[in-house]
PDB file of all heavy atoms in Angstrom:
ATOM      1  N   THR A   1      21.764   7.351  62.911  1.00  0.00           N
ATOM      2  CA  THR A   1      21.045   7.356  61.627  1.00  0.00           C
ATOM      3  C   THR A   1      19.550   7.623  61.768  1.00  0.00           C
ATOM      4  O   THR A   1      18.904   7.946  60.775  1.00  0.00           O
ATOM      5  CB  THR A   1      21.224   6.010  60.904  1.00  0.00           C
ATOM      6  OG1 THR A   1      20.529   4.981  61.635  1.00  0.00           O
ATOM      7  CG2 THR A   1      22.688   5.639  60.774  1.00  0.00           C
ATOM      8  N   GLY A   2      18.999   7.440  62.954  1.00  0.00           N
ATOM      9  CA  GLY A   2      17.561   7.574  63.125  1.00  0.00           C
ATOM     10  C   GLY A   2      16.793   6.328  62.744  1.00  0.00           C
ATOM     11  O   GLY A   2      15.552   6.333  62.714  1.00  0.00           O
ATOM     12  N   ALA A   3      17.484   5.230  62.454  1.00  0.00           N
ATOM     13  CA  ALA A   3      16.825   3.979  62.080  1.00  0.00           C
ATOM     14  C   ALA A   3      16.232   3.298  63.298  1.00  0.00           C
ATOM     15  O   ALA A   3      16.690   3.487  64.426  1.00  0.00           O
ATOM     16  CB  ALA A   3      17.828   3.042  61.394  1.00  0.00           C
ATOM     17  N   ALA A   4      15.207   2.470  63.059  1.00  0.00           N
ATOM     18  CA  ALA A   4      14.577   1.729  64.153  1.00  0.00           C
ATOM     19  C   ALA A   4      15.439   0.564  64.614  1.00  0.00           C
ATOM     20  O   ALA A   4      15.405   0.179  65.782  1.00  0.00           O
ATOM     21  CB  ALA A   4      13.205   1.222  63.719  1.00  0.00           C
ATOM     22  N   ASP A   5      16.230  -0.010  63.706  1.00  0.00           N
ATOM     23  CA  ASP A   5      17.058  -1.161  64.050  1.00  0.00           C
ATOM     24  C   ASP A   5      18.173  -1.281  63.018  1.00  0.00           C
ATOM     25  O   ASP A   5      18.183  -0.582  61.997  1.00  0.00           O
ATOM     26  CB  ASP A   5      16.211  -2.440  64.090  1.00  0.00           C
ATOM     27  CG  ASP A   5      16.836  -3.537  64.947  1.00  0.00           C
ATOM     28  OD1 ASP A   5      17.962  -3.325  65.462  1.00  0.00           O
ATOM     29  OD2 ASP A   5      16.204  -4.598  65.103  1.00  0.00           O
ATOM     30  N   ALA A   6      19.123  -2.168  63.289  1.00  0.00           N
ATOM     31  CA  ALA A   6      20.245  -2.348  62.368  1.00  0.00           C
ATOM     32  C   ALA A   6      20.864  -3.716  62.589  1.00  0.00           C
ATOM     33  O   ALA A   6      20.683  -4.354  63.631  1.00  0.00           O
ATOM     34  CB  ALA A   6      21.300  -1.258  62.581  1.00  0.00           C
ATOM     35  N   ILE A   7      21.606  -4.162  61.580  1.00  0.00           N
ATOM     36  CA  ILE A   7      22.375  -5.395  61.673  1.00  0.00           C
ATOM     37  C   ILE A   7      23.672  -5.182  60.907  1.00  0.00           C
ATOM     38  O   ILE A   7      23.713  -4.441  59.922  1.00  0.00           O
ATOM     39  CB  ILE A   7      21.590  -6.601  61.104  1.00  0.00           C
ATOM     40  CG1 ILE A   7      22.356  -7.910  61.361  1.00  0.00           C
ATOM     41  CG2 ILE A   7      21.298  -6.439  59.632  1.00  0.00           C
ATOM     42  CD1 ILE A   7      21.562  -9.158  60.985  1.00  0.00           C
ATOM     43  N   VAL A   8      24.742  -5.833  61.365  1.00  0.00           N
ATOM     44  CA  VAL A   8      26.057  -5.696  60.747  1.00  0.00           C
ATOM     45  C   VAL A   8      26.495  -7.055  60.218  1.00  0.00           C
ATOM     46  O   VAL A   8      26.488  -8.045  60.951  1.00  0.00           O
ATOM     47  CB  VAL A   8      27.096  -5.165  61.756  1.00  0.00           C
ATOM     48  CG1 VAL A   8      28.473  -5.041  61.093  1.00  0.00           C
ATOM     49  CG2 VAL A   8      26.661  -3.828  62.327  1.00  0.00           C
ATOM     50  N   VAL A   9      26.875  -7.088  58.926  1.00  0.00           N
ATOM     51  CA  VAL A   9      27.413  -8.304  58.318  1.00  0.00           C
ATOM     52  C   VAL A   9      28.786  -7.963  57.726  1.00  0.00           C
ATOM     53  O   VAL A   9      29.329  -6.900  57.987  1.00  0.00           O
ATOM     54  CB  VAL A   9      26.457  -8.893  57.261  1.00  0.00           C
ATOM     55  CG1 VAL A   9      25.185  -9.398  57.925  1.00  0.00           C
ATOM     56  CG2 VAL A   9      26.123  -7.866  56.184  1.00  0.00           C
ATOM     57  N   ASN A  10      29.357  -8.886  56.914  1.00  0.00           N
ATOM     58  CA  ASN A  10      30.769  -8.720  56.563  1.00  0.00           C
ATOM     59  C   ASN A  10      31.068  -7.702  55.462  1.00  0.00           C
ATOM     60  O   ASN A  10      32.183  -7.201  55.398  1.00  0.00           O
ATOM     61  CB  ASN A  10      31.403 -10.076  56.228  1.00  0.00           C
ATOM     62  CG  ASN A  10      30.698 -10.769  55.074  1.00  0.00           C
ATOM     63  OD1 ASN A  10      29.607 -10.372  54.674  1.00  0.00           O
ATOM     64  ND2 ASN A  10      31.306 -11.800  54.551  1.00  0.00           N
ATOM     65  N   ASN A  11      30.141  -7.396  54.576  1.00  0.00           N
ATOM     66  CA  ASN A  11      30.348  -6.283  53.647  1.00  0.00           C
ATOM     67  C   ASN A  11      29.013  -5.888  53.025  1.00  0.00           C
ATOM     68  O   ASN A  11      27.988  -6.543  53.248  1.00  0.00           O
ATOM     69  CB  ASN A  11      31.399  -6.596  52.572  1.00  0.00           C
ATOM     70  CG  ASN A  11      31.022  -7.741  51.652  1.00  0.00           C
ATOM     71  OD1 ASN A  11      29.855  -7.928  51.319  1.00  0.00           O
ATOM     72  ND2 ASN A  11      32.005  -8.517  51.239  1.00  0.00           N
ATOM     73  N   CYS A  12      29.037  -4.816  52.250  1.00  0.00           N
ATOM     74  CA  CYS A  12      27.780  -4.249  51.750  1.00  0.00           C
ATOM     75  C   CYS A  12      27.125  -5.142  50.702  1.00  0.00           C
ATOM     76  O   CYS A  12      25.894  -5.240  50.643  1.00  0.00           O
ATOM     77  CB  CYS A  12      28.045  -2.856  51.173  1.00  0.00           C
ATOM     78  SG  CYS A  12      26.590  -1.790  51.130  1.00  0.00           S
ATOM     79  N   ALA A  13      27.921  -5.802  49.867  1.00  0.00           N
ATOM     80  CA  ALA A  13      27.351  -6.719  48.882  1.00  0.00           C
ATOM     81  C   ALA A  13      26.639  -7.874  49.575  1.00  0.00           C
ATOM     82  O   ALA A  13      25.557  -8.297  49.159  1.00  0.00           O
ATOM     83  CB  ALA A  13      28.453  -7.241  47.961  1.00  0.00           C
ATOM     84  N   ALA A  14      27.252  -8.386  50.639  1.00  0.00           N
ATOM     85  CA  ALA A  14      26.620  -9.460  51.412  1.00  0.00           C
ATOM     86  C   ALA A  14      25.311  -8.985  52.028  1.00  0.00           C
ATOM     87  O   ALA A  14      24.323  -9.735  52.087  1.00  0.00           O
ATOM     88  CB  ALA A  14      27.568  -9.948  52.500  1.00  0.00           C
ATOM     89  N   ALA A  15      25.290  -7.750  52.493  1.00  0.00           N
ATOM     90  CA  ALA A  15      24.076  -7.199  53.088  1.00  0.00           C
ATOM     91  C   ALA A  15      22.931  -7.175  52.083  1.00  0.00           C
ATOM     92  O   ALA A  15      21.789  -7.523  52.406  1.00  0.00           O
ATOM     93  CB  ALA A  15      24.355  -5.792  53.616  1.00  0.00           C
ATOM     94  N   LEU A  16      23.237  -6.772  50.838  1.00  0.00           N
ATOM     95  CA  LEU A  16      22.200  -6.726  49.809  1.00  0.00           C
ATOM     96  C   LEU A  16      21.705  -8.129  49.465  1.00  0.00           C
ATOM     97  O   LEU A  16      20.492  -8.361  49.339  1.00  0.00           O
ATOM     98  CB  LEU A  16      22.747  -6.034  48.558  1.00  0.00           C
ATOM     99  CG  LEU A  16      21.781  -5.883  47.382  1.00  0.00           C
ATOM    100  CD1 LEU A  16      20.543  -5.090  47.782  1.00  0.00           C
ATOM    101  CD2 LEU A  16      22.479  -5.221  46.191  1.00  0.00           C
ATOM    102  N   VAL A  17      22.629  -9.072  49.320  1.00  0.00           N
ATOM    103  CA  VAL A  17      22.232 -10.459  49.034  1.00  0.00           C
ATOM    104  C   VAL A  17      21.366 -11.009  50.162  1.00  0.00           C
ATOM    105  O   VAL A  17      20.338 -11.653  49.920  1.00  0.00           O
ATOM    106  CB  VAL A  17      23.481 -11.344  48.823  1.00  0.00           C
ATOM    107  CG1 VAL A  17      23.094 -12.822  48.801  1.00  0.00           C
ATOM    108  CG2 VAL A  17      24.183 -10.980  47.529  1.00  0.00           C
ATOM    109  N   LEU A  18      21.768 -10.764  51.395  1.00  0.00           N
ATOM    110  CA  LEU A  18      21.011 -11.259  52.543  1.00  0.00           C
ATOM    111  C   LEU A  18      19.600 -10.687  52.559  1.00  0.00           C
ATOM    112  O   LEU A  18      18.620 -11.417  52.798  1.00  0.00           O
ATOM    113  CB  LEU A  18      21.743 -10.891  53.836  1.00  0.00           C
ATOM    114  CG  LEU A  18      21.058 -11.273  55.138  1.00  0.00           C
ATOM    115  CD1 LEU A  18      20.893 -12.784  55.255  1.00  0.00           C
ATOM    116  CD2 LEU A  18      21.836 -10.727  56.343  1.00  0.00           C
ATOM    117  N   ALA A  19      19.480  -9.391  52.304  1.00  0.00           N
ATOM    118  CA  ALA A  19      18.153  -8.762  52.335  1.00  0.00           C
ATOM    119  C   ALA A  19      17.261  -9.301  51.223  1.00  0.00           C
ATOM    120  O   ALA A  19      16.079  -9.613  51.446  1.00  0.00           O
ATOM    121  CB  ALA A  19      18.300  -7.252  52.220  1.00  0.00           C
ATOM    122  N   LEU A  20      17.803  -9.410  50.020  1.00  0.00           N
ATOM    123  CA  LEU A  20      16.999  -9.915  48.909  1.00  0.00           C
ATOM    124  C   LEU A  20      16.599 -11.371  49.133  1.00  0.00           C
ATOM    125  O   LEU A  20      15.472 -11.772  48.830  1.00  0.00           O
ATOM    126  CB  LEU A  20      17.764  -9.778  47.598  1.00  0.00           C
ATOM    127  CG  LEU A  20      17.966  -8.341  47.088  1.00  0.00           C
ATOM    128  CD1 LEU A  20      18.895  -8.333  45.881  1.00  0.00           C
ATOM    129  CD2 LEU A  20      16.629  -7.702  46.748  1.00  0.00           C
ATOM    130  N   ASN A  21      17.507 -12.175  49.665  1.00  0.00           N
ATOM    131  CA  ASN A  21      17.195 -13.569  49.927  1.00  0.00           C
ATOM    132  C   ASN A  21      16.135 -13.693  51.019  1.00  0.00           C
ATOM    133  O   ASN A  21      15.275 -14.578  50.969  1.00  0.00           O
ATOM    134  CB  ASN A  21      18.466 -14.314  50.325  1.00  0.00           C
ATOM    135  CG  ASN A  21      18.234 -15.789  50.560  1.00  0.00           C
ATOM    136  OD1 ASN A  21      18.012 -16.215  51.694  1.00  0.00           O
ATOM    137  ND2 ASN A  21      18.273 -16.577  49.491  1.00  0.00           N
ATOM    138  N   SER A  22      16.194 -12.799  51.997  1.00  0.00           N
ATOM    139  CA  SER A  22      15.245 -12.846  53.118  1.00  0.00           C
ATOM    140  C   SER A  22      13.869 -12.330  52.729  1.00  0.00           C
ATOM    141  O   SER A  22      12.847 -12.828  53.223  1.00  0.00           O
ATOM    142  CB  SER A  22      15.779 -12.009  54.288  1.00  0.00           C
ATOM    143  OG  SER A  22      17.043 -12.457  54.720  1.00  0.00           O
ATOM    144  N   LEU A  23      13.830 -11.322  51.844  1.00  0.00           N
ATOM    145  CA  LEU A  23      12.577 -10.611  51.590  1.00  0.00           C
ATOM    146  C   LEU A  23      11.978 -10.848  50.208  1.00  0.00           C
ATOM    147  O   LEU A  23      10.785 -10.608  50.011  1.00  0.00           O
ATOM    148  CB  LEU A  23      12.805  -9.101  51.772  1.00  0.00           C
ATOM    149  CG  LEU A  23      13.452  -8.656  53.091  1.00  0.00           C
ATOM    150  CD1 LEU A  23      13.680  -7.151  53.074  1.00  0.00           C
ATOM    151  CD2 LEU A  23      12.608  -9.065  54.282  1.00  0.00           C
ATOM    152  N   ALA A  24      12.781 -11.305  49.232  1.00  0.00           N
ATOM    153  CA  ALA A  24      12.267 -11.370  47.855  1.00  0.00           C
ATOM    154  C   ALA A  24      12.737 -12.606  47.105  1.00  0.00           C
ATOM    155  O   ALA A  24      12.721 -12.614  45.866  1.00  0.00           O
ATOM    156  CB  ALA A  24      12.694 -10.108  47.104  1.00  0.00           C
ATOM    157  N   ARG A  25      13.113 -13.633  47.791  1.00  0.00           N
ATOM    158  CA  ARG A  25      13.575 -14.846  47.113  1.00  0.00           C
ATOM    159  C   ARG A  25      12.442 -15.423  46.252  1.00  0.00           C
ATOM    160  O   ARG A  25      11.317 -15.615  46.717  1.00  0.00           O
ATOM    161  CB  ARG A  25      14.028 -15.880  48.139  1.00  0.00           C
ATOM    162  CG  ARG A  25      14.625 -17.155  47.539  1.00  0.00           C
ATOM    163  CD  ARG A  25      15.270 -17.992  48.632  1.00  0.00           C
ATOM    164  NE  ARG A  25      15.840 -19.224  48.095  1.00  0.00           N
ATOM    165  CZ  ARG A  25      15.195 -20.380  48.032  1.00  0.00           C
ATOM    166  NH1 ARG A  25      13.950 -20.461  48.495  1.00  0.00           N
ATOM    167  NH2 ARG A  25      15.778 -21.446  47.536  1.00  0.00           N
ATOM    168  N   GLY A  26      12.748 -15.681  44.965  1.00  0.00           N
ATOM    169  CA  GLY A  26      11.756 -16.215  44.042  1.00  0.00           C
ATOM    170  C   GLY A  26      10.768 -15.196  43.525  1.00  0.00           C
ATOM    171  O   GLY A  26       9.835 -15.558  42.797  1.00  0.00           O
ATOM    172  N   ARG A  27      10.979 -13.935  43.848  1.00  0.00           N
ATOM    173  CA  ARG A  27      10.053 -12.886  43.420  1.00  0.00           C
ATOM    174  C   ARG A  27      10.795 -11.829  42.612  1.00  0.00           C
ATOM    175  O   ARG A  27      12.026 -11.815  42.535  1.00  0.00           O
ATOM    176  CB  ARG A  27       9.384 -12.252  44.647  1.00  0.00           C
ATOM    177  CG  ARG A  27       8.681 -13.283  45.540  1.00  0.00           C
ATOM    178  CD  ARG A  27       7.942 -12.628  46.683  1.00  0.00           C
ATOM    179  NE  ARG A  27       6.766 -11.903  46.189  1.00  0.00           N
ATOM    180  CZ  ARG A  27       5.994 -11.143  46.966  1.00  0.00           C
ATOM    181  NH1 ARG A  27       6.277 -10.996  48.262  1.00  0.00           N
ATOM    182  NH2 ARG A  27       4.937 -10.532  46.466  1.00  0.00           N
ATOM    183  N   ASP A  28      10.036 -10.921  41.990  1.00  0.00           N
ATOM    184  CA  ASP A  28      10.620  -9.877  41.157  1.00  0.00           C
ATOM    185  C   ASP A  28      11.207  -8.766  42.024  1.00  0.00           C
ATOM    186  O   ASP A  28      10.612  -8.365  43.038  1.00  0.00           O
ATOM    187  CB  ASP A  28       9.563  -9.266  40.232  1.00  0.00           C
ATOM    188  CG  ASP A  28       9.054 -10.243  39.186  1.00  0.00           C
ATOM    189  OD1 ASP A  28       9.700 -11.293  39.006  1.00  0.00           O
ATOM    190  OD2 ASP A  28       8.023  -9.951  38.558  1.00  0.00           O
ATOM    191  N   VAL A  29      12.348  -8.279  41.598  1.00  0.00           N
ATOM    192  CA  VAL A  29      12.968  -7.116  42.240  1.00  0.00           C
ATOM    193  C   VAL A  29      13.216  -6.073  41.159  1.00  0.00           C
ATOM    194  O   VAL A  29      13.937  -6.327  40.191  1.00  0.00           O
ATOM    195  CB  VAL A  29      14.292  -7.494  42.937  1.00  0.00           C
ATOM    196  CG1 VAL A  29      14.982  -6.252  43.465  1.00  0.00           C
ATOM    197  CG2 VAL A  29      14.034  -8.480  44.064  1.00  0.00           C
ATOM    198  N   LEU A  30      12.627  -4.902  41.320  1.00  0.00           N
ATOM    199  CA  LEU A  30      12.711  -3.847  40.314  1.00  0.00           C
ATOM    200  C   LEU A  30      13.933  -2.972  40.571  1.00  0.00           C
ATOM    201  O   LEU A  30      14.174  -2.534  41.705  1.00  0.00           O
ATOM    202  CB  LEU A  30      11.462  -2.967  40.347  1.00  0.00           C
ATOM    203  CG  LEU A  30      10.188  -3.487  39.639  1.00  0.00           C
ATOM    204  CD1 LEU A  30       9.765  -4.856  40.163  1.00  0.00           C
ATOM    205  CD2 LEU A  30       9.055  -2.484  39.800  1.00  0.00           C
ATOM    206  N   VAL A  31      14.707  -2.704  39.508  1.00  0.00           N
ATOM    207  CA  VAL A  31      15.861  -1.809  39.615  1.00  0.00           C
ATOM    208  C   VAL A  31      16.048  -1.086  38.293  1.00  0.00           C
ATOM    209  O   VAL A  31      15.832  -1.653  37.216  1.00  0.00           O
ATOM    210  CB  VAL A  31      17.138  -2.587  40.013  1.00  0.00           C
ATOM    211  CG1 VAL A  31      17.501  -3.616  38.963  1.00  0.00           C
ATOM    212  CG2 VAL A  31      18.302  -1.635  40.259  1.00  0.00           C
ATOM    213  N   SER A  32      16.437   0.177  38.358  1.00  0.00           N
ATOM    214  CA  SER A  32      16.646   0.979  37.151  1.00  0.00           C
ATOM    215  C   SER A  32      17.849   0.467  36.359  1.00  0.00           C
ATOM    216  O   SER A  32      18.873   0.095  36.941  1.00  0.00           O
ATOM    217  CB  SER A  32      16.870   2.441  37.534  1.00  0.00           C
ATOM    218  OG  SER A  32      17.355   3.179  36.430  1.00  0.00           O
ATOM    219  N   ARG A  33      17.729   0.494  35.034  1.00  0.00           N
ATOM    220  CA  ARG A  33      18.863   0.119  34.187  1.00  0.00           C
ATOM    221  C   ARG A  33      20.058   1.038  34.417  1.00  0.00           C
ATOM    222  O   ARG A  33      21.209   0.640  34.261  1.00  0.00           O
ATOM    223  CB  ARG A  33      18.456   0.166  32.714  1.00  0.00           C
ATOM    224  CG  ARG A  33      17.538  -0.972  32.296  1.00  0.00           C
ATOM    225  CD  ARG A  33      17.301  -0.983  30.784  1.00  0.00           C
ATOM    226  NE  ARG A  33      16.542  -2.166  30.388  1.00  0.00           N
ATOM    227  CZ  ARG A  33      15.221  -2.246  30.350  1.00  0.00           C
ATOM    228  NH1 ARG A  33      14.497  -1.172  30.693  1.00  0.00           N
ATOM    229  NH2 ARG A  33      14.611  -3.358  29.977  1.00  0.00           N
ATOM    230  N   GLY A  34      19.795   2.255  34.806  1.00  0.00           N
ATOM    231  CA  GLY A  34      20.882   3.202  35.065  1.00  0.00           C
ATOM    232  C   GLY A  34      21.606   2.951  36.366  1.00  0.00           C
ATOM    233  O   GLY A  34      22.597   3.624  36.670  1.00  0.00           O
ATOM    234  N   GLU A  35      21.135   1.976  37.150  1.00  0.00           N
ATOM    235  CA  GLU A  35      21.756   1.683  38.447  1.00  0.00           C
ATOM    236  C   GLU A  35      22.334   0.273  38.505  1.00  0.00           C
ATOM    237  O   GLU A  35      22.718  -0.200  39.579  1.00  0.00           O
ATOM    238  CB  GLU A  35      20.722   1.883  39.563  1.00  0.00           C
ATOM    239  CG  GLU A  35      20.251   3.328  39.653  1.00  0.00           C
ATOM    240  CD  GLU A  35      19.061   3.519  40.587  1.00  0.00           C
ATOM    241  OE1 GLU A  35      18.652   2.537  41.236  1.00  0.00           O
ATOM    242  OE2 GLU A  35      18.535   4.646  40.637  1.00  0.00           O
ATOM    243  N   LEU A  36      22.431  -0.392  37.370  1.00  0.00           N
ATOM    244  CA  LEU A  36      23.021  -1.734  37.324  1.00  0.00           C
ATOM    245  C   LEU A  36      24.535  -1.591  37.189  1.00  0.00           C
ATOM    246  O   LEU A  36      25.127  -1.889  36.150  1.00  0.00           O
ATOM    247  CB  LEU A  36      22.429  -2.528  36.158  1.00  0.00           C
ATOM    248  CG  LEU A  36      20.933  -2.808  36.268  1.00  0.00           C
ATOM    249  CD1 LEU A  36      20.426  -3.506  35.016  1.00  0.00           C
ATOM    250  CD2 LEU A  36      20.633  -3.655  37.496  1.00  0.00           C
ATOM    251  N   ILE A  37      25.144  -1.137  38.252  1.00  0.00           N
ATOM    252  CA  ILE A  37      26.543  -0.716  38.208  1.00  0.00           C
ATOM    253  C   ILE A  37      27.498  -1.873  38.457  1.00  0.00           C
ATOM    254  O   ILE A  37      27.113  -2.944  38.938  1.00  0.00           O
ATOM    255  CB  ILE A  37      26.801   0.400  39.243  1.00  0.00           C
ATOM    256  CG1 ILE A  37      26.574  -0.125  40.668  1.00  0.00           C
ATOM    257  CG2 ILE A  37      25.906   1.597  38.976  1.00  0.00           C
ATOM    258  CD1 ILE A  37      26.954   0.855  41.740  1.00  0.00           C
ATOM    259  N   GLU A  38      28.746  -1.628  38.115  1.00  0.00           N
ATOM    260  CA  GLU A  38      29.830  -2.553  38.445  1.00  0.00           C
ATOM    261  C   GLU A  38      30.642  -1.943  39.576  1.00  0.00           C
ATOM    262  O   GLU A  38      30.991  -0.768  39.542  1.00  0.00           O
ATOM    263  CB  GLU A  38      30.730  -2.795  37.227  1.00  0.00           C
ATOM    264  CG  GLU A  38      31.883  -3.759  37.499  1.00  0.00           C
ATOM    265  CD  GLU A  38      32.723  -4.026  36.266  1.00  0.00           C
ATOM    266  OE1 GLU A  38      32.145  -4.472  35.250  1.00  0.00           O
ATOM    267  OE2 GLU A  38      33.941  -3.776  36.317  1.00  0.00           O
ATOM    268  N   ILE A  39      30.931  -2.758  40.594  1.00  0.00           N
ATOM    269  CA  ILE A  39      31.740  -2.286  41.713  1.00  0.00           C
ATOM    270  C   ILE A  39      33.134  -2.882  41.563  1.00  0.00           C
ATOM    271  O   ILE A  39      33.478  -3.448  40.541  1.00  0.00           O
ATOM    272  CB  ILE A  39      31.086  -2.647  43.060  1.00  0.00           C
ATOM    273  CG1 ILE A  39      30.855  -4.155  43.172  1.00  0.00           C
ATOM    274  CG2 ILE A  39      29.781  -1.895  43.215  1.00  0.00           C
ATOM    275  CD1 ILE A  39      30.244  -4.579  44.502  1.00  0.00           C
TER     276      ILE A  39
END
């Protein structure tokens, strides 16, 4: 991928939760209304 580093967890939803909890807990996270999708 050309990435500097990587980590593997149990699924992609968990990866997003982990990143947001690690980097933006209690803070604002901006996302487009057009990307608030259902999986």
